[in-house]
């Protein structure tokens, strides 16, 4: 993943994802896929369309809360 790919997520989204996945021992499951690290989650989100990305991000956020 390049620095340009990373910017496809907004800064607040990247910060929250880092917080959510920091030290996580139980994965967050979105659309049948389990994510345990920030890198896994961000790679997945970057493969999605903008609408699907936002929905998956909101689901990760909901499960972390």
PDB file of N, CA and C in Angstrom:
ATOM      1  N   UNK A   1       0.856  -1.167   0.000  1.00  0.00           N
ATOM      2  CA  UNK A   1       0.000   0.000   0.000  1.00  0.00           C
ATOM      3  C   UNK A   1       0.903   1.232   0.000  1.00  0.00           C
ATOM      4  N   UNK A   2       0.633   2.158  -0.902  1.00  0.00           N
ATOM      5  CA  UNK A   2       1.444   3.364  -0.991  1.00  0.00           C
ATOM      6  C   UNK A   2       0.845   4.474  -0.151  1.00  0.00           C
ATOM      7  N   UNK A   3       1.599   5.526   0.011  1.00  0.00           N
ATOM      8  CA  UNK A   3       1.117   6.684   0.771  1.00  0.00           C
ATOM      9  C   UNK A   3      -0.129   7.292   0.129  1.00  0.00           C
ATOM     10  N   UNK A   4      -0.190   7.280  -1.223  1.00  0.00           N
ATOM     11  CA  UNK A   4      -1.351   7.821  -1.929  1.00  0.00           C
ATOM     12  C   UNK A   4      -2.606   6.994  -1.659  1.00  0.00           C
ATOM     13  N   UNK A   5      -2.452   5.669  -1.624  1.00  0.00           N
ATOM     14  CA  UNK A   5      -3.585   4.799  -1.308  1.00  0.00           C
ATOM     15  C   UNK A   5      -4.112   5.092   0.082  1.00  0.00           C
ATOM     16  N   UNK A   6      -3.196   5.344   0.996  1.00  0.00           N
ATOM     17  CA  UNK A   6      -3.540   5.606   2.384  1.00  0.00           C
ATOM     18  C   UNK A   6      -4.432   6.850   2.494  1.00  0.00           C
ATOM     19  N   UNK A   7      -4.230   7.833   1.622  1.00  0.00           N
ATOM     20  CA  UNK A   7      -4.989   9.078   1.708  1.00  0.00           C
ATOM     21  C   UNK A   7      -6.417   8.925   1.197  1.00  0.00           C
ATOM     22  N   UNK A   8      -6.760   7.768   0.634  1.00  0.00           N
ATOM     23  CA  UNK A   8      -8.133   7.549   0.194  1.00  0.00           C
ATOM     24  C   UNK A   8      -9.080   7.528   1.386  1.00  0.00           C
ATOM     25  N   UNK A   9      -8.566   7.188   2.549  1.00  0.00           N
ATOM     26  CA  UNK A   9      -9.335   7.281   3.787  1.00  0.00           C
ATOM     27  C   UNK A   9      -9.048   8.653   4.381  1.00  0.00           C
ATOM     28  N   UNK A  10     -10.059   9.261   4.949  1.00  0.00           N
ATOM     29  CA  UNK A  10      -9.841  10.581   5.536  1.00  0.00           C
ATOM     30  C   UNK A  10      -8.976  10.461   6.790  1.00  0.00           C
ATOM     31  N   UNK A  11      -8.371  11.553   7.178  1.00  0.00           N
ATOM     32  CA  UNK A  11      -7.516  11.538   8.363  1.00  0.00           C
ATOM     33  C   UNK A  11      -8.282  11.090   9.609  1.00  0.00           C
ATOM     34  N   UNK A  12      -9.495  11.607   9.855  1.00  0.00           N
ATOM     35  CA  UNK A  12     -10.246  11.124  11.023  1.00  0.00           C
ATOM     36  C   UNK A  12     -10.557   9.627  10.943  1.00  0.00           C
ATOM     37  N   UNK A  13     -10.833   9.127   9.742  1.00  0.00           N
ATOM     38  CA  UNK A  13     -11.090   7.692   9.598  1.00  0.00           C
ATOM     39  C   UNK A  13      -9.836   6.897   9.928  1.00  0.00           C
ATOM     40  N   UNK A  14      -8.687   7.311   9.403  1.00  0.00           N
ATOM     41  CA  UNK A  14      -7.430   6.603   9.687  1.00  0.00           C
ATOM     42  C   UNK A  14      -7.128   6.622  11.179  1.00  0.00           C
ATOM     43  N   UNK A  15      -7.334   7.754  11.816  1.00  0.00           N
ATOM     44  CA  UNK A  15      -7.049   7.870  13.252  1.00  0.00           C
ATOM     45  C   UNK A  15      -7.954   6.957  14.071  1.00  0.00           C
ATOM     46  N   UNK A  16      -9.242   6.948  13.743  1.00  0.00           N
ATOM     47  CA  UNK A  16     -10.169   6.096  14.484  1.00  0.00           C
ATOM     48  C   UNK A  16      -9.853   4.620  14.254  1.00  0.00           C
ATOM     49  N   UNK A  17      -9.563   4.242  13.018  1.00  0.00           N
ATOM     50  CA  UNK A  17      -9.217   2.852  12.742  1.00  0.00           C
ATOM     51  C   UNK A  17      -7.970   2.440  13.515  1.00  0.00           C
ATOM     52  N   UNK A  18      -6.979   3.309  13.573  1.00  0.00           N
ATOM     53  CA  UNK A  18      -5.768   2.988  14.349  1.00  0.00           C
ATOM     54  C   UNK A  18      -6.119   2.783  15.819  1.00  0.00           C
ATOM     55  N   UNK A  19      -6.987   3.619  16.344  1.00  0.00           N
ATOM     56  CA  UNK A  19      -7.414   3.487  17.740  1.00  0.00           C
ATOM     57  C   UNK A  19      -8.190   2.193  17.965  1.00  0.00           C
ATOM     58  N   UNK A  20      -9.107   1.890  17.048  1.00  0.00           N
ATOM     59  CA  UNK A  20      -9.927   0.683  17.153  1.00  0.00           C
ATOM     60  C   UNK A  20      -9.061  -0.576  17.155  1.00  0.00           C
ATOM     61  N   UNK A  21      -8.087  -0.629  16.261  1.00  0.00           N
ATOM     62  CA  UNK A  21      -7.305  -1.849  16.074  1.00  0.00           C
ATOM     63  C   UNK A  21      -6.031  -1.911  16.913  1.00  0.00           C
ATOM     64  N   UNK A  22      -5.720  -0.880  17.649  1.00  0.00           N
ATOM     65  CA  UNK A  22      -4.520  -0.878  18.489  1.00  0.00           C
ATOM     66  C   UNK A  22      -4.674  -1.888  19.627  1.00  0.00           C
ATOM     67  N   UNK A  23      -3.882  -2.937  19.594  1.00  0.00           N
ATOM     68  CA  UNK A  23      -3.889  -3.934  20.667  1.00  0.00           C
ATOM     69  C   UNK A  23      -5.116  -4.831  20.675  1.00  0.00           C
ATOM     70  N   UNK A  24      -5.877  -4.856  19.605  1.00  0.00           N
ATOM     71  CA  UNK A  24      -7.097  -5.667  19.542  1.00  0.00           C
ATOM     72  C   UNK A  24      -6.745  -7.148  19.571  1.00  0.00           C
ATOM     73  N   UNK A  25      -7.460  -7.907  20.403  1.00  0.00           N
ATOM     74  CA  UNK A  25      -7.255  -9.350  20.478  1.00  0.00           C
ATOM     75  C   UNK A  25      -8.448 -10.123  19.926  1.00  0.00           C
ATOM     76  N   UNK A  26      -9.560  -9.436  19.728  1.00  0.00           N
ATOM     77  CA  UNK A  26     -10.761 -10.056  19.162  1.00  0.00           C
ATOM     78  C   UNK A  26     -11.080  -9.345  17.849  1.00  0.00           C
ATOM     79  N   UNK A  27     -11.167 -10.092  16.757  1.00  0.00           N
ATOM     80  CA  UNK A  27     -11.386  -9.446  15.454  1.00  0.00           C
ATOM     81  C   UNK A  27     -12.760  -8.805  15.319  1.00  0.00           C
ATOM     82  N   UNK A  28     -12.817  -7.828  14.444  1.00  0.00           N
ATOM     83  CA  UNK A  28     -14.082  -7.212  14.047  1.00  0.00           C
ATOM     84  C   UNK A  28     -14.469  -7.871  12.728  1.00  0.00           C
ATOM     85  N   UNK A  29     -15.706  -8.334  12.639  1.00  0.00           N
ATOM     86  CA  UNK A  29     -16.171  -9.047  11.451  1.00  0.00           C
ATOM     87  C   UNK A  29     -17.108  -8.145  10.652  1.00  0.00           C
ATOM     88  N   UNK A  30     -16.755  -7.943   9.393  1.00  0.00           N
ATOM     89  CA  UNK A  30     -17.563  -7.138   8.475  1.00  0.00           C
ATOM     90  C   UNK A  30     -17.744  -7.952   7.200  1.00  0.00           C
ATOM     91  N   UNK A  31     -19.000  -8.139   6.812  1.00  0.00           N
ATOM     92  CA  UNK A  31     -19.329  -8.892   5.600  1.00  0.00           C
ATOM     93  C   UNK A  31     -18.656 -10.258   5.572  1.00  0.00           C
ATOM     94  N   UNK A  32     -18.596 -10.913   6.710  1.00  0.00           N
ATOM     95  CA  UNK A  32     -18.029 -12.252   6.796  1.00  0.00           C
ATOM     96  C   UNK A  32     -16.516 -12.312   6.850  1.00  0.00           C
ATOM     97  N   UNK A  33     -15.853 -11.167   6.840  1.00  0.00           N
ATOM     98  CA  UNK A  33     -14.394 -11.125   6.902  1.00  0.00           C
ATOM     99  C   UNK A  33     -13.961 -10.587   8.263  1.00  0.00           C
ATOM    100  N   UNK A  34     -12.968 -11.232   8.870  1.00  0.00           N
ATOM    101  CA  UNK A  34     -12.485 -10.828  10.194  1.00  0.00           C
ATOM    102  C   UNK A  34     -11.226  -9.966  10.047  1.00  0.00           C
ATOM    103  N   UNK A  35     -11.192  -8.862  10.794  1.00  0.00           N
ATOM    104  CA  UNK A  35     -10.051  -7.947  10.764  1.00  0.00           C
ATOM    105  C   UNK A  35      -9.524  -7.760  12.172  1.00  0.00           C
ATOM    106  N   UNK A  36      -8.228  -7.997  12.335  1.00  0.00           N
ATOM    107  CA  UNK A  36      -7.605  -7.875  13.638  1.00  0.00           C
ATOM    108  C   UNK A  36      -6.613  -6.714  13.696  1.00  0.00           C
ATOM    109  N   UNK A  37      -6.178  -6.236  12.529  1.00  0.00           N
ATOM    110  CA  UNK A  37      -5.197  -5.149  12.507  1.00  0.00           C
ATOM    111  C   UNK A  37      -5.679  -3.983  11.642  1.00  0.00           C
ATOM    112  N   UNK A  38      -5.094  -2.837  11.897  1.00  0.00           N
ATOM    113  CA  UNK A  38      -5.377  -1.635  11.113  1.00  0.00           C
ATOM    114  C   UNK A  38      -5.050  -1.865   9.638  1.00  0.00           C
ATOM    115  N   UNK A  39      -3.918  -2.487   9.364  1.00  0.00           N
ATOM    116  CA  UNK A  39      -3.487  -2.708   7.979  1.00  0.00           C
ATOM    117  C   UNK A  39      -4.495  -3.564   7.219  1.00  0.00           C
ATOM    118  N   UNK A  40      -4.954  -4.653   7.861  1.00  0.00           N
ATOM    119  CA  UNK A  40      -5.945  -5.518   7.211  1.00  0.00           C
ATOM    120  C   UNK A  40      -7.221  -4.735   6.899  1.00  0.00           C
ATOM    121  N   UNK A  41      -7.690  -3.987   7.886  1.00  0.00           N
ATOM    122  CA  UNK A  41      -8.931  -3.231   7.728  1.00  0.00           C
ATOM    123  C   UNK A  41      -8.796  -2.156   6.660  1.00  0.00           C
ATOM    124  N   UNK A  42      -7.703  -1.409   6.683  1.00  0.00           N
ATOM    125  CA  UNK A  42      -7.550  -0.327   5.708  1.00  0.00           C
ATOM    126  C   UNK A  42      -7.388  -0.878   4.296  1.00  0.00           C
ATOM    127  N   UNK A  43      -6.658  -1.982   4.137  1.00  0.00           N
ATOM    128  CA  UNK A  43      -6.527  -2.587   2.803  1.00  0.00           C
ATOM    129  C   UNK A  43      -7.888  -2.984   2.265  1.00  0.00           C
ATOM    130  N   UNK A  44      -8.699  -3.587   3.115  1.00  0.00           N
ATOM    131  CA  UNK A  44     -10.038  -4.000   2.697  1.00  0.00           C
ATOM    132  C   UNK A  44     -10.883  -2.784   2.311  1.00  0.00           C
ATOM    133  N   UNK A  45     -10.887  -1.774   3.158  1.00  0.00           N
ATOM    134  CA  UNK A  45     -11.692  -0.586   2.889  1.00  0.00           C
ATOM    135  C   UNK A  45     -11.313   0.080   1.575  1.00  0.00           C
ATOM    136  N   UNK A  46     -10.033   0.079   1.257  1.00  0.00           N
ATOM    137  CA  UNK A  46      -9.566   0.729   0.035  1.00  0.00           C
ATOM    138  C   UNK A  46      -9.965  -0.023  -1.232  1.00  0.00           C
ATOM    139  N   UNK A  47     -10.404  -1.274  -1.091  1.00  0.00           N
ATOM    140  CA  UNK A  47     -10.847  -2.032  -2.269  1.00  0.00           C
ATOM    141  C   UNK A  47     -12.308  -1.759  -2.597  1.00  0.00           C
ATOM    142  N   UNK A  48     -13.014  -1.089  -1.695  1.00  0.00           N
ATOM    143  CA  UNK A  48     -14.451  -0.884  -1.850  1.00  0.00           C
ATOM    144  C   UNK A  48     -14.786   0.434  -2.545  1.00  0.00           C
ATOM    145  N   UNK A  49     -15.992   0.495  -3.082  1.00  0.00           N
ATOM    146  CA  UNK A  49     -16.489   1.764  -3.618  1.00  0.00           C
ATOM    147  C   UNK A  49     -16.719   2.711  -2.439  1.00  0.00           C
ATOM    148  N   UNK A  50     -16.890   3.968  -2.723  1.00  0.00           N
ATOM    149  CA  UNK A  50     -17.036   4.966  -1.663  1.00  0.00           C
ATOM    150  C   UNK A  50     -18.210   4.664  -0.730  1.00  0.00           C
ATOM    151  N   UNK A  51     -19.347   4.290  -1.293  1.00  0.00           N
ATOM    152  CA  UNK A  51     -20.527   3.993  -0.466  1.00  0.00           C
ATOM    153  C   UNK A  51     -20.319   2.738   0.384  1.00  0.00           C
ATOM    154  N   UNK A  52     -19.782   1.695  -0.230  1.00  0.00           N
ATOM    155  CA  UNK A  52     -19.529   0.443   0.491  1.00  0.00           C
ATOM    156  C   UNK A  52     -18.457   0.653   1.557  1.00  0.00           C
ATOM    157  N   UNK A  53     -17.462   1.492   1.247  1.00  0.00           N
ATOM    158  CA  UNK A  53     -16.396   1.789   2.206  1.00  0.00           C
ATOM    159  C   UNK A  53     -16.972   2.461   3.445  1.00  0.00           C
ATOM    160  N   UNK A  54     -17.840   3.424   3.237  1.00  0.00           N
ATOM    161  CA  UNK A  54     -18.439   4.135   4.368  1.00  0.00           C
ATOM    162  C   UNK A  54     -19.290   3.191   5.211  1.00  0.00           C
ATOM    163  N   UNK A  55     -20.044   2.305   4.557  1.00  0.00           N
ATOM    164  CA  UNK A  55     -20.881   1.346   5.292  1.00  0.00           C
ATOM    165  C   UNK A  55     -20.014   0.390   6.115  1.00  0.00           C
ATOM    166  N   UNK A  56     -18.939  -0.107   5.528  1.00  0.00           N
ATOM    167  CA  UNK A  56     -18.048  -1.023   6.243  1.00  0.00           C
ATOM    168  C   UNK A  56     -17.344  -0.300   7.391  1.00  0.00           C
ATOM    169  N   UNK A  57     -16.927   0.936   7.157  1.00  0.00           N
ATOM    170  CA  UNK A  57     -16.284   1.744   8.200  1.00  0.00           C
ATOM    171  C   UNK A  57     -17.240   1.948   9.374  1.00  0.00           C
ATOM    172  N   UNK A  58     -18.481   2.276   9.084  1.00  0.00           N
ATOM    173  CA  UNK A  58     -19.478   2.481  10.140  1.00  0.00           C
ATOM    174  C   UNK A  58     -19.720   1.192  10.929  1.00  0.00           C
ATOM    175  N   UNK A  59     -19.706   0.064  10.241  1.00  0.00           N
ATOM    176  CA  UNK A  59     -19.889  -1.225  10.914  1.00  0.00           C
ATOM    177  C   UNK A  59     -18.700  -1.514  11.849  1.00  0.00           C
ATOM    178  N   UNK A  60     -17.488  -1.231  11.388  1.00  0.00           N
ATOM    179  CA  UNK A  60     -16.303  -1.419  12.238  1.00  0.00           C
ATOM    180  C   UNK A  60     -16.402  -0.522  13.462  1.00  0.00           C
ATOM    181  N   UNK A  61     -16.793   0.701  13.236  1.00  0.00           N
ATOM    182  CA  UNK A  61     -16.943   1.673  14.318  1.00  0.00           C
ATOM    183  C   UNK A  61     -17.997   1.207  15.334  1.00  0.00           C
ATOM    184  N   UNK A  62     -19.120   0.688  14.829  1.00  0.00           N
ATOM    185  CA  UNK A  62     -20.192   0.208  15.696  1.00  0.00           C
ATOM    186  C   UNK A  62     -19.729  -0.985  16.550  1.00  0.00           C
ATOM    187  N   UNK A  63     -19.030  -1.921  15.941  1.00  0.00           N
ATOM    188  CA  UNK A  63     -18.584  -3.107  16.664  1.00  0.00           C
ATOM    189  C   UNK A  63     -17.515  -2.771  17.706  1.00  0.00           C
ATOM    190  N   UNK A  64     -16.726  -1.750  17.442  1.00  0.00           N
ATOM    191  CA  UNK A  64     -15.658  -1.383  18.374  1.00  0.00           C
ATOM    192  C   UNK A  64     -16.215  -0.673  19.600  1.00  0.00           C
ATOM    193  N   UNK A  65     -17.388  -0.039  19.435  1.00  0.00           N
ATOM    194  CA  UNK A  65     -17.964   0.759  20.507  1.00  0.00           C
ATOM    195  C   UNK A  65     -18.613  -0.055  21.530  1.00  0.00           C
TER     196      UNK A  65
END
